[in-house]
Amino acid sequence: MRTLLFVLLLSFCSLAGAKVINVEFKFTPFTGDIKADHVKTVAGKATVFINNLPVAEQDIEARDVPVLFDNREVGPAVWVPSSSMGGALRRGKNRIRIEFVPAGGAPYQTQFSWASVNDQTSKKESGNSASTTNQSDEGADNRQATGKVVAEREFAADFAADQPWHHYPPVTTLADADKQALAALAAERATTFKPDFSAAYQMLKSAPTPGMQLDLGAIQKARVLQKGYEAGMRITAPAADKLDFVMSGNPEVVVRARGGSLFAIDEKALRKVKGEEAQMGLAMVLSVLYPPQFVAVRDPSGRWVIVY
């Protein structure tokens, strides 16, 4: 008994000093037996919201995924680490929501799981086996479903950056002048794709790039943007009457195009760029400069600015 108590106290002390540095969420719609080695994902579309802000959309295709470990963890169709949430993440309390709409109407199952990632590891013992992990607060919600599914969970992110705009007044209505100003931001951003690309390089220098590292010096040396321009590529943005403005009760407003990406990128011109590596590099840089949507806030002076 004393040995068991000592092990429990040791485990508690090791976790007590650990700090959460990330929170991860996984979601999979599937058919099949979760006791088997594999199940099949259900085709459809998943939309991820952080604090009511739409931050990502993902098409899910039907494919086989593994089922792992004693807790029957299904391979994720959607994986959302907090490091990918950008400025939508608040220091303190947050809420994630994943909405999934299947392509068909047949019954299926979903698994929505979560775990905190710590800056220290802890040891888990079970019988004669032991393992080391840096995760805690793990859990999963398994459901039977038909039609649209909404999975959501509240979580804390004390590690998140506290941005100035998080404390701005919430935006609940937009006047025509506001919409025109937001459309002008999109048009202005599109015009940065032109020689000498100084404005584009400045945006790349300050742009958050979750999940990737951009080497600005290498991009400039390889003339990535110039090659696209020389191939005939141009960037355009729609007028205000072709835009959607999404408000969520927060200071941020999401600006996106109706029925497509906000910035039109000429795929034919992209294919004219010589070399597969050059094409891939240009596509990556363009995805950072001209994303499918942007988020803007109205600063204390009343001016609209893009924050991510």
C-alpha atoms as a PDB file:
ATOM      1  CA  MET A   1       0.000   0.000   0.000  1.00  0.00           C
ATOM      2  CA  ARG A   2       2.855   2.387   0.856  1.00  0.00           C
ATOM      3  CA  THR A   3       4.485   1.633  -2.507  1.00  0.00           C
ATOM      4  CA  LEU A   4       1.249   2.333  -4.367  1.00  0.00           C
ATOM      5  CA  LEU A   5       0.734   5.569  -2.432  1.00  0.00           C
ATOM      6  CA  PHE A   6       4.306   6.656  -3.233  1.00  0.00           C
ATOM      7  CA  VAL A   7       3.798   5.976  -6.964  1.00  0.00           C
ATOM      8  CA  LEU A   8       0.541   7.938  -6.985  1.00  0.00           C
ATOM      9  CA  LEU A   9       2.133  10.865  -5.147  1.00  0.00           C
ATOM     10  CA  LEU A  10       5.115  10.832  -7.502  1.00  0.00           C
ATOM     11  CA  SER A  11       2.808  10.856 -10.516  1.00  0.00           C
ATOM     12  CA  PHE A  12       0.757  13.695  -9.043  1.00  0.00           C
ATOM     13  CA  CYS A  13       3.840  15.796  -8.323  1.00  0.00           C
ATOM     14  CA  SER A  14       5.229  15.329 -11.827  1.00  0.00           C
ATOM     15  CA  LEU A  15       1.946  16.462 -13.378  1.00  0.00           C
ATOM     16  CA  ALA A  16       1.445  19.307 -10.923  1.00  0.00           C
ATOM     17  CA  GLY A  17       4.539  21.097 -12.231  1.00  0.00           C
ATOM     18  CA  ALA A  18       3.657  20.594 -15.903  1.00  0.00           C
ATOM     19  CA  LYS A  19       2.207  23.398 -18.019  1.00  0.00           C
ATOM     20  CA  VAL A  20      -0.248  22.967 -20.869  1.00  0.00           C
ATOM     21  CA  ILE A  21       1.304  24.296 -24.089  1.00  0.00           C
ATOM     22  CA  ASN A  22      -1.247  23.055 -26.623  1.00  0.00           C
ATOM     23  CA  VAL A  23      -4.692  21.479 -26.898  1.00  0.00           C
ATOM     24  CA  GLU A  24      -5.530  19.101 -29.734  1.00  0.00           C
ATOM     25  CA  PHE A  25      -8.885  18.021 -31.121  1.00  0.00           C
ATOM     26  CA  LYS A  26      -9.660  15.193 -33.548  1.00  0.00           C
ATOM     27  CA  PHE A  27     -12.877  14.361 -35.353  1.00  0.00           C
ATOM     28  CA  THR A  28     -13.798  11.443 -37.592  1.00  0.00           C
ATOM     29  CA  PRO A  29     -17.142  10.377 -39.122  1.00  0.00           C
ATOM     30  CA  PHE A  30     -16.987   6.687 -39.984  1.00  0.00           C
ATOM     31  CA  THR A  31     -18.762   3.422 -40.659  1.00  0.00           C
ATOM     32  CA  GLY A  32     -17.675   0.000 -39.474  1.00  0.00           C
ATOM     33  CA  ASP A  33     -16.873  -1.786 -36.215  1.00  0.00           C
ATOM     34  CA  ILE A  34     -14.676   0.222 -33.858  1.00  0.00           C
ATOM     35  CA  LYS A  35     -13.354  -3.090 -32.494  1.00  0.00           C
ATOM     36  CA  ALA A  36     -11.809  -3.858 -35.895  1.00  0.00           C
ATOM     37  CA  ASP A  37      -8.360  -2.728 -37.069  1.00  0.00           C
ATOM     38  CA  HIS A  38      -9.825  -0.311 -39.639  1.00  0.00           C
ATOM     39  CA  VAL A  39     -13.018   1.659 -40.282  1.00  0.00           C
ATOM     40  CA  LYS A  40     -14.074   3.765 -43.296  1.00  0.00           C
ATOM     41  CA  THR A  41     -14.525   7.522 -43.095  1.00  0.00           C
ATOM     42  CA  VAL A  42     -17.769   9.097 -44.318  1.00  0.00           C
ATOM     43  CA  ALA A  43     -17.543  11.570 -47.191  1.00  0.00           C
ATOM     44  CA  GLY A  44     -18.783  15.089 -46.497  1.00  0.00           C
ATOM     45  CA  LYS A  45     -17.682  18.555 -45.384  1.00  0.00           C
ATOM     46  CA  ALA A  46     -16.462  19.630 -41.941  1.00  0.00           C
ATOM     47  CA  THR A  47     -16.362  23.267 -40.775  1.00  0.00           C
ATOM     48  CA  VAL A  48     -14.322  24.270 -37.727  1.00  0.00           C
ATOM     49  CA  PHE A  49     -15.360  27.213 -35.535  1.00  0.00           C
ATOM     50  CA  ILE A  50     -13.310  28.738 -32.717  1.00  0.00           C
ATOM     51  CA  ASN A  51     -15.319  31.028 -30.444  1.00  0.00           C
ATOM     52  CA  ASN A  52     -18.020  31.133 -33.171  1.00  0.00           C
ATOM     53  CA  LEU A  53     -15.514  32.227 -35.833  1.00  0.00           C
ATOM     54  CA  PRO A  54     -15.250  29.919 -38.861  1.00  0.00           C
ATOM     55  CA  VAL A  55     -11.526  29.164 -39.169  1.00  0.00           C
ATOM     56  CA  ALA A  56     -11.381  26.206 -41.588  1.00  0.00           C
ATOM     57  CA  GLU A  57     -13.393  24.052 -43.975  1.00  0.00           C
ATOM     58  CA  GLN A  58     -12.326  20.569 -44.971  1.00  0.00           C
ATOM     59  CA  ASP A  59     -13.712  18.101 -47.475  1.00  0.00           C
ATOM     60  CA  ILE A  60     -13.586  14.542 -46.162  1.00  0.00           C
ATOM     61  CA  GLU A  61     -13.316  11.619 -48.585  1.00  0.00           C
ATOM     62  CA  ALA A  62     -14.313   8.030 -47.920  1.00  0.00           C
ATOM     63  CA  ARG A  63     -11.184   6.016 -47.091  1.00  0.00           C
ATOM     64  CA  ASP A  64      -9.893   3.394 -44.678  1.00  0.00           C
ATOM     65  CA  VAL A  65      -8.346   4.659 -41.419  1.00  0.00           C
ATOM     66  CA  PRO A  66      -6.783   2.657 -38.572  1.00  0.00           C
ATOM     67  CA  VAL A  67      -8.258   2.072 -35.125  1.00  0.00           C
ATOM     68  CA  LEU A  68      -5.469   2.095 -32.543  1.00  0.00           C
ATOM     69  CA  PHE A  69      -4.688   1.345 -28.908  1.00  0.00           C
ATOM     70  CA  ASP A  70      -6.832  -0.077 -26.146  1.00  0.00           C
ATOM     71  CA  ASN A  71      -9.051   3.018 -26.138  1.00  0.00           C
ATOM     72  CA  ARG A  72      -9.954   2.374 -29.835  1.00  0.00           C
ATOM     73  CA  GLU A  73      -8.716   5.681 -31.179  1.00  0.00           C
ATOM     74  CA  VAL A  74      -9.912   6.231 -34.753  1.00  0.00           C
ATOM     75  CA  GLY A  75      -7.491   7.853 -37.199  1.00  0.00           C
ATOM     76  CA  PRO A  76      -8.491  11.544 -37.461  1.00  0.00           C
ATOM     77  CA  ALA A  77     -10.216  12.910 -40.551  1.00  0.00           C
ATOM     78  CA  VAL A  78      -9.979  16.396 -38.998  1.00  0.00           C
ATOM     79  CA  TRP A  79      -7.112  17.362 -36.686  1.00  0.00           C
ATOM     80  CA  VAL A  80      -7.176  20.788 -35.001  1.00  0.00           C
ATOM     81  CA  PRO A  81      -4.236  21.724 -32.762  1.00  0.00           C
ATOM     82  CA  SER A  82      -4.619  25.045 -30.986  1.00  0.00           C
ATOM     83  CA  SER A  83      -1.444  26.197 -32.755  1.00  0.00           C
ATOM     84  CA  SER A  84      -3.501  26.331 -35.975  1.00  0.00           C
ATOM     85  CA  MET A  85      -6.265  28.507 -34.495  1.00  0.00           C
ATOM     86  CA  GLY A  86      -4.377  31.775 -34.954  1.00  0.00           C
ATOM     87  CA  GLY A  87      -5.775  34.977 -33.506  1.00  0.00           C
ATOM     88  CA  ALA A  88      -9.179  33.385 -32.926  1.00  0.00           C
ATOM     89  CA  LEU A  89      -7.746  31.669 -29.841  1.00  0.00           C
ATOM     90  CA  ARG A  90      -8.235  33.576 -26.574  1.00  0.00           C
ATOM     91  CA  ARG A  91      -6.136  33.409 -23.458  1.00  0.00           C
ATOM     92  CA  GLY A  92      -8.362  31.615 -20.977  1.00  0.00           C
ATOM     93  CA  LYS A  93     -11.748  30.155 -21.924  1.00  0.00           C
ATOM     94  CA  ASN A  94     -12.476  29.084 -25.517  1.00  0.00           C
ATOM     95  CA  ARG A  95     -14.966  26.920 -27.377  1.00  0.00           C
ATOM     96  CA  ILE A  96     -14.382  24.755 -30.428  1.00  0.00           C
ATOM     97  CA  ARG A  97     -17.255  23.603 -32.640  1.00  0.00           C
ATOM     98  CA  ILE A  98     -17.013  21.186 -35.555  1.00  0.00           C
ATOM     99  CA  GLU A  99     -20.010  20.908 -37.869  1.00  0.00           C
ATOM    100  CA  PHE A 100     -20.074  17.967 -40.251  1.00  0.00           C
ATOM    101  CA  VAL A 101     -22.529  17.490 -43.126  1.00  0.00           C
ATOM    102  CA  PRO A 102     -22.323  14.046 -44.772  1.00  0.00           C
ATOM    103  CA  ALA A 103     -22.581  13.642 -48.527  1.00  0.00           C
ATOM    104  CA  GLY A 104     -25.275  10.975 -48.134  1.00  0.00           C
ATOM    105  CA  GLY A 105     -28.118  10.112 -45.804  1.00  0.00           C
ATOM    106  CA  ALA A 106     -27.035   6.740 -44.399  1.00  0.00           C
ATOM    107  CA  PRO A 107     -26.428   6.276 -40.646  1.00  0.00           C
ATOM    108  CA  TYR A 108     -22.840   6.526 -39.427  1.00  0.00           C
ATOM    109  CA  GLN A 109     -20.759   7.062 -36.291  1.00  0.00           C
ATOM    110  CA  THR A 110     -18.520   9.893 -35.108  1.00  0.00           C
ATOM    111  CA  GLN A 111     -15.591  10.121 -32.737  1.00  0.00           C
ATOM    112  CA  PHE A 112     -14.655  13.523 -31.308  1.00  0.00           C
ATOM    113  CA  SER A 113     -11.590  13.427 -29.039  1.00  0.00           C
ATOM    114  CA  TRP A 114      -9.375  15.900 -27.209  1.00  0.00           C
ATOM    115  CA  ALA A 115      -6.130  16.054 -25.215  1.00  0.00           C
ATOM    116  CA  SER A 116      -3.936  18.658 -23.555  1.00  0.00           C
ATOM    117  CA  VAL A 117      -0.234  18.675 -24.444  1.00  0.00           C
ATOM    118  CA  ASN A 118       2.148  19.449 -21.579  1.00  0.00           C
ATOM    119  CA  ASP A 119       5.708  20.757 -21.471  1.00  0.00           C
ATOM    120  CA  GLN A 120       6.725  17.755 -19.336  1.00  0.00           C
ATOM    121  CA  THR A 121       6.214  14.038 -19.641  1.00  0.00           C
ATOM    122  CA  SER A 122       4.624  11.765 -17.069  1.00  0.00           C
ATOM    123  CA  LYS A 123       4.797   8.014 -16.587  1.00  0.00           C
ATOM    124  CA  LYS A 124       1.759   5.779 -16.770  1.00  0.00           C
ATOM    125  CA  GLU A 125       1.790   2.300 -15.262  1.00  0.00           C
ATOM    126  CA  SER A 126      -0.740  -0.434 -15.962  1.00  0.00           C
ATOM    127  CA  GLY A 127      -0.023  -3.893 -14.570  1.00  0.00           C
ATOM    128  CA  ASN A 128       3.443  -4.924 -15.694  1.00  0.00           C
ATOM    129  CA  SER A 129       3.674  -2.281 -18.434  1.00  0.00           C
ATOM    130  CA  ALA A 130       4.612   1.371 -18.304  1.00  0.00           C
ATOM    131  CA  SER A 131       4.532   4.224 -20.810  1.00  0.00           C
ATOM    132  CA  THR A 132       5.549   7.870 -20.963  1.00  0.00           C
ATOM    133  CA  THR A 133       3.284  10.627 -22.257  1.00  0.00           C
ATOM    134  CA  ASN A 134       3.141  14.396 -22.439  1.00  0.00           C
ATOM    135  CA  GLN A 135      -0.673  14.409 -22.728  1.00  0.00           C
ATOM    136  CA  SER A 136      -3.352  14.847 -20.078  1.00  0.00           C
ATOM    137  CA  ASP A 137      -7.089  15.550 -19.811  1.00  0.00           C
ATOM    138  CA  GLU A 138      -7.752  13.094 -22.627  1.00  0.00           C
ATOM    139  CA  GLY A 139     -11.301  12.224 -23.563  1.00  0.00           C
ATOM    140  CA  ALA A 140     -13.568  11.173 -26.401  1.00  0.00           C
ATOM    141  CA  ASP A 141     -17.223  11.423 -27.377  1.00  0.00           C
ATOM    142  CA  ASN A 142     -18.511   8.597 -29.613  1.00  0.00           C
ATOM    143  CA  ARG A 143     -21.948   8.952 -31.213  1.00  0.00           C
ATOM    144  CA  GLN A 144     -24.392   7.302 -33.594  1.00  0.00           C
ATOM    145  CA  ALA A 145     -25.476   9.812 -36.212  1.00  0.00           C
ATOM    146  CA  THR A 146     -27.664  10.521 -39.235  1.00  0.00           C
ATOM    147  CA  GLY A 147     -27.424  13.783 -41.143  1.00  0.00           C
ATOM    148  CA  LYS A 148     -25.610  16.842 -39.791  1.00  0.00           C
ATOM    149  CA  VAL A 149     -23.544  16.466 -36.596  1.00  0.00           C
ATOM    150  CA  VAL A 150     -22.264  19.226 -34.306  1.00  0.00           C
ATOM    151  CA  ALA A 151     -19.427  18.416 -31.884  1.00  0.00           C
ATOM    152  CA  GLU A 152     -18.248  21.082 -29.467  1.00  0.00           C
ATOM    153  CA  ARG A 153     -16.230  21.510 -26.319  1.00  0.00           C
ATOM    154  CA  GLU A 154     -15.071  24.290 -24.033  1.00  0.00           C
ATOM    155  CA  PHE A 155     -11.356  24.391 -23.209  1.00  0.00           C
ATOM    156  CA  ALA A 156      -8.787  26.632 -21.530  1.00  0.00           C
ATOM    157  CA  ALA A 157      -5.790  28.122 -23.342  1.00  0.00           C
ATOM    158  CA  ASP A 158      -3.773  30.042 -20.769  1.00  0.00           C
ATOM    159  CA  PHE A 159      -0.802  29.753 -23.156  1.00  0.00           C
ATOM    160  CA  ALA A 160      -2.544  31.757 -25.919  1.00  0.00           C
ATOM    161  CA  ALA A 161      -1.342  35.211 -26.950  1.00  0.00           C
ATOM    162  CA  ASP A 162      -3.522  38.036 -25.616  1.00  0.00           C
ATOM    163  CA  GLN A 163      -4.086  40.204 -28.684  1.00  0.00           C
ATOM    164  CA  PRO A 164      -5.171  43.869 -28.419  1.00  0.00           C
ATOM    165  CA  TRP A 165      -8.245  43.321 -30.607  1.00  0.00           C
ATOM    166  CA  HIS A 166      -9.544  40.643 -28.240  1.00  0.00           C
ATOM    167  CA  HIS A 167     -10.599  43.542 -26.021  1.00  0.00           C
ATOM    168  CA  TYR A 168     -12.267  45.679 -28.704  1.00  0.00           C
ATOM    169  CA  PRO A 169     -16.071  46.054 -28.607  1.00  0.00           C
ATOM    170  CA  PRO A 170     -17.983  43.269 -30.391  1.00  0.00           C
ATOM    171  CA  VAL A 171     -19.290  43.962 -33.888  1.00  0.00           C
ATOM    172  CA  THR A 172     -22.979  43.134 -34.280  1.00  0.00           C
ATOM    173  CA  THR A 173     -23.960  45.150 -37.364  1.00  0.00           C
ATOM    174  CA  LEU A 174     -22.242  46.431 -40.493  1.00  0.00           C
ATOM    175  CA  ALA A 175     -23.248  49.570 -42.357  1.00  0.00           C
ATOM    176  CA  ASP A 176     -22.756  49.861 -46.125  1.00  0.00           C
ATOM    177  CA  ALA A 177     -19.707  52.033 -45.462  1.00  0.00           C
ATOM    178  CA  ASP A 178     -18.190  49.236 -43.364  1.00  0.00           C
ATOM    179  CA  LYS A 179     -18.745  46.699 -46.143  1.00  0.00           C
ATOM    180  CA  GLN A 180     -17.179  48.993 -48.696  1.00  0.00           C
ATOM    181  CA  ALA A 181     -14.175  49.531 -46.417  1.00  0.00           C
ATOM    182  CA  LEU A 182     -13.747  45.772 -45.952  1.00  0.00           C
ATOM    183  CA  ALA A 183     -14.014  45.192 -49.707  1.00  0.00           C
ATOM    184  CA  ALA A 184     -11.359  47.883 -50.208  1.00  0.00           C
ATOM    185  CA  LEU A 185      -9.032  45.944 -47.884  1.00  0.00           C
ATOM    186  CA  ALA A 186      -9.419  42.878 -50.117  1.00  0.00           C
ATOM    187  CA  ALA A 187      -8.804  44.902 -53.283  1.00  0.00           C
ATOM    188  CA  GLU A 188      -5.765  46.578 -51.734  1.00  0.00           C
ATOM    189  CA  ARG A 189      -4.303  43.222 -50.743  1.00  0.00           C
ATOM    190  CA  ALA A 190      -4.759  41.876 -54.271  1.00  0.00           C
ATOM    191  CA  THR A 191      -2.721  44.788 -55.688  1.00  0.00           C
ATOM    192  CA  THR A 192       0.337  43.743 -53.645  1.00  0.00           C
ATOM    193  CA  PHE A 193       1.064  41.092 -56.296  1.00  0.00           C
ATOM    194  CA  LYS A 194       3.159  43.311 -58.537  1.00  0.00           C
ATOM    195  CA  PRO A 195       6.860  44.151 -58.973  1.00  0.00           C
ATOM    196  CA  ASP A 196       8.848  44.925 -56.837  1.00  0.00           C
ATOM    197  CA  PHE A 197       6.672  42.889 -54.436  1.00  0.00           C
ATOM    198  CA  SER A 198       7.901  44.943 -51.461  1.00  0.00           C
ATOM    199  CA  ALA A 199       4.413  45.072 -49.913  1.00  0.00           C
ATOM    200  CA  ALA A 200       3.987  41.317 -50.404  1.00  0.00           C
ATOM    201  CA  TYR A 201       7.363  40.616 -48.776  1.00  0.00           C
ATOM    202  CA  GLN A 202       6.401  42.813 -45.831  1.00  0.00           C
ATOM    203  CA  MET A 203       3.179  40.825 -45.368  1.00  0.00           C
ATOM    204  CA  LEU A 204       5.106  37.548 -45.506  1.00  0.00           C
ATOM    205  CA  LYS A 205       7.501  38.856 -42.883  1.00  0.00           C
ATOM    206  CA  SER A 206       4.704  39.474 -40.389  1.00  0.00           C
ATOM    207  CA  ALA A 207       2.192  36.817 -41.439  1.00  0.00           C
ATOM    208  CA  PRO A 208       1.441  34.000 -38.979  1.00  0.00           C
ATOM    209  CA  THR A 209       2.039  30.665 -40.708  1.00  0.00           C
ATOM    210  CA  PRO A 210       0.743  27.883 -38.437  1.00  0.00           C
ATOM    211  CA  GLY A 211       2.224  24.506 -39.283  1.00  0.00           C
ATOM    212  CA  MET A 212       4.850  25.818 -41.731  1.00  0.00           C
ATOM    213  CA  GLN A 213       8.054  27.829 -41.785  1.00  0.00           C
ATOM    214  CA  LEU A 214       8.644  30.364 -44.543  1.00  0.00           C
ATOM    215  CA  ASP A 215      12.206  31.420 -45.363  1.00  0.00           C
ATOM    216  CA  LEU A 216      11.706  34.957 -46.680  1.00  0.00           C
ATOM    217  CA  GLY A 217      15.307  35.238 -47.817  1.00  0.00           C
ATOM    218  CA  ALA A 218      15.051  32.039 -49.848  1.00  0.00           C
ATOM    219  CA  ILE A 219      11.732  33.172 -51.359  1.00  0.00           C
ATOM    220  CA  GLN A 220      13.278  36.446 -52.501  1.00  0.00           C
ATOM    221  CA  LYS A 221      16.461  34.789 -53.787  1.00  0.00           C
ATOM    222  CA  ALA A 222      14.484  32.220 -55.821  1.00  0.00           C
ATOM    223  CA  ARG A 223      12.300  35.006 -57.290  1.00  0.00           C
ATOM    224  CA  VAL A 224       9.215  32.943 -56.477  1.00  0.00           C
ATOM    225  CA  LEU A 225       6.704  35.779 -56.870  1.00  0.00           C
ATOM    226  CA  GLN A 226       8.413  37.214 -59.953  1.00  0.00           C
ATOM    227  CA  LYS A 227       8.199  33.856 -61.710  1.00  0.00           C
ATOM    228  CA  GLY A 228       4.454  33.765 -61.161  1.00  0.00           C
ATOM    229  CA  TYR A 229       4.030  37.310 -62.415  1.00  0.00           C
ATOM    230  CA  GLU A 230       6.146  36.613 -65.507  1.00  0.00           C
ATOM    231  CA  ALA A 231       3.976  33.552 -66.219  1.00  0.00           C
ATOM    232  CA  GLY A 232       0.949  35.852 -66.425  1.00  0.00           C
ATOM    233  CA  MET A 233      -0.450  35.381 -62.922  1.00  0.00           C
ATOM    234  CA  ARG A 234      -2.547  38.195 -61.449  1.00  0.00           C
ATOM    235  CA  ILE A 235      -4.595  38.346 -58.234  1.00  0.00           C
ATOM    236  CA  THR A 236      -8.104  39.798 -58.079  1.00  0.00           C
ATOM    237  CA  ALA A 237     -10.736  40.256 -55.370  1.00  0.00           C
ATOM    238  CA  PRO A 238     -14.529  40.584 -55.702  1.00  0.00           C
ATOM    239  CA  ALA A 239     -16.582  43.727 -55.117  1.00  0.00           C
ATOM    240  CA  ALA A 240     -18.507  44.285 -51.884  1.00  0.00           C
ATOM    241  CA  ASP A 241     -21.782  42.874 -53.291  1.00  0.00           C
ATOM    242  CA  LYS A 242     -20.023  39.547 -53.969  1.00  0.00           C
ATOM    243  CA  LEU A 243     -18.707  39.170 -50.435  1.00  0.00           C
ATOM    244  CA  ASP A 244     -20.036  37.553 -47.283  1.00  0.00           C
ATOM    245  CA  PHE A 245     -19.367  39.180 -43.916  1.00  0.00           C
ATOM    246  CA  VAL A 246     -19.570  36.799 -40.955  1.00  0.00           C
ATOM    247  CA  MET A 247     -20.110  38.239 -37.479  1.00  0.00           C
ATOM    248  CA  SER A 248     -19.902  36.093 -34.367  1.00  0.00           C
ATOM    249  CA  GLY A 249     -20.461  38.389 -31.410  1.00  0.00           C
ATOM    250  CA  ASN A 250     -16.702  39.037 -31.282  1.00  0.00           C
ATOM    251  CA  PRO A 251     -14.711  42.065 -32.479  1.00  0.00           C
ATOM    252  CA  GLU A 252     -13.572  40.078 -35.548  1.00  0.00           C
ATOM    253  CA  VAL A 253     -15.455  39.993 -38.844  1.00  0.00           C
ATOM    254  CA  VAL A 254     -14.708  37.218 -41.343  1.00  0.00           C
ATOM    255  CA  VAL A 255     -14.620  38.414 -44.955  1.00  0.00           C
ATOM    256  CA  ARG A 256     -15.013  35.787 -47.694  1.00  0.00           C
ATOM    257  CA  ALA A 257     -16.366  35.416 -51.191  1.00  0.00           C
ATOM    258  CA  ARG A 258     -19.700  33.794 -51.968  1.00  0.00           C
ATOM    259  CA  GLY A 259     -19.184  30.340 -53.386  1.00  0.00           C
ATOM    260  CA  GLY A 260     -15.408  30.327 -53.587  1.00  0.00           C
ATOM    261  CA  SER A 261     -12.058  31.679 -52.426  1.00  0.00           C
ATOM    262  CA  LEU A 262     -11.745  35.363 -51.650  1.00  0.00           C
ATOM    263  CA  PHE A 263      -8.778  35.897 -53.960  1.00  0.00           C
ATOM    264  CA  ALA A 264      -8.875  34.516 -57.510  1.00  0.00           C
ATOM    265  CA  ILE A 265      -5.603  32.799 -58.444  1.00  0.00           C
ATOM    266  CA  ASP A 266      -5.032  31.834 -62.082  1.00  0.00           C
ATOM    267  CA  GLU A 267      -4.284  28.088 -62.025  1.00  0.00           C
ATOM    268  CA  LYS A 268      -3.301  28.095 -65.714  1.00  0.00           C
ATOM    269  CA  ALA A 269      -0.625  30.697 -65.044  1.00  0.00           C
ATOM    270  CA  LEU A 270       0.603  28.665 -62.073  1.00  0.00           C
ATOM    271  CA  ARG A 271       1.113  25.643 -64.325  1.00  0.00           C
ATOM    272  CA  LYS A 272       3.191  27.788 -66.719  1.00  0.00           C
ATOM    273  CA  VAL A 273       5.831  28.306 -64.039  1.00  0.00           C
ATOM    274  CA  LYS A 274       8.749  26.050 -64.922  1.00  0.00           C
ATOM    275  CA  GLY A 275       9.586  23.257 -62.489  1.00  0.00           C
ATOM    276  CA  GLU A 276       7.366  21.342 -60.068  1.00  0.00           C
ATOM    277  CA  GLU A 277       9.321  22.611 -57.061  1.00  0.00           C
ATOM    278  CA  ALA A 278       8.899  26.225 -58.191  1.00  0.00           C
ATOM    279  CA  GLN A 279       5.150  25.681 -58.686  1.00  0.00           C
ATOM    280  CA  MET A 280       4.771  24.159 -55.215  1.00  0.00           C
ATOM    281  CA  GLY A 281       6.770  26.976 -53.626  1.00  0.00           C
ATOM    282  CA  LEU A 282       4.707  29.636 -55.369  1.00  0.00           C
ATOM    283  CA  ALA A 283       1.441  27.927 -54.389  1.00  0.00           C
ATOM    284  CA  MET A 284       2.542  27.833 -50.726  1.00  0.00           C
ATOM    285  CA  VAL A 285       3.504  31.505 -50.682  1.00  0.00           C
ATOM    286  CA  LEU A 286       0.264  32.529 -52.404  1.00  0.00           C
ATOM    287  CA  SER A 287      -1.776  30.562 -49.844  1.00  0.00           C
ATOM    288  CA  VAL A 288      -0.247  32.725 -47.099  1.00  0.00           C
ATOM    289  CA  LEU A 289      -0.549  36.035 -48.933  1.00  0.00           C
ATOM    290  CA  TYR A 290      -4.026  35.470 -50.379  1.00  0.00           C
ATOM    291  CA  PRO A 291      -5.996  33.066 -48.139  1.00  0.00           C
ATOM    292  CA  PRO A 292      -9.583  31.919 -48.848  1.00  0.00           C
ATOM    293  CA  GLN A 293     -10.810  34.449 -46.270  1.00  0.00           C
ATOM    294  CA  PHE A 294      -9.434  37.100 -43.952  1.00  0.00           C
ATOM    295  CA  VAL A 295     -10.398  38.445 -40.555  1.00  0.00           C
ATOM    296  CA  ALA A 296     -10.618  42.174 -39.856  1.00  0.00           C
ATOM    297  CA  VAL A 297     -11.363  44.330 -36.824  1.00  0.00           C
ATOM    298  CA  ARG A 298     -12.353  47.948 -36.359  1.00  0.00           C
ATOM    299  CA  ASP A 299      -9.596  49.618 -34.333  1.00  0.00           C
ATOM    300  CA  PRO A 300     -10.212  52.344 -31.712  1.00  0.00           C
ATOM    301  CA  SER A 301      -9.885  55.041 -34.401  1.00  0.00           C
ATOM    302  CA  GLY A 302     -12.734  53.425 -36.393  1.00  0.00           C
ATOM    303  CA  ARG A 303     -10.446  52.122 -39.166  1.00  0.00           C
ATOM    304  CA  TRP A 304     -10.814  48.547 -40.438  1.00  0.00           C
ATOM    305  CA  VAL A 305      -7.586  46.505 -40.405  1.00  0.00           C
ATOM    306  CA  ILE A 306      -6.779  42.892 -41.314  1.00  0.00           C
ATOM    307  CA  VAL A 307      -5.500  40.959 -38.294  1.00  0.00           C
ATOM    308  CA  TYR A 308      -5.200  37.470 -39.832  1.00  0.00           C
END
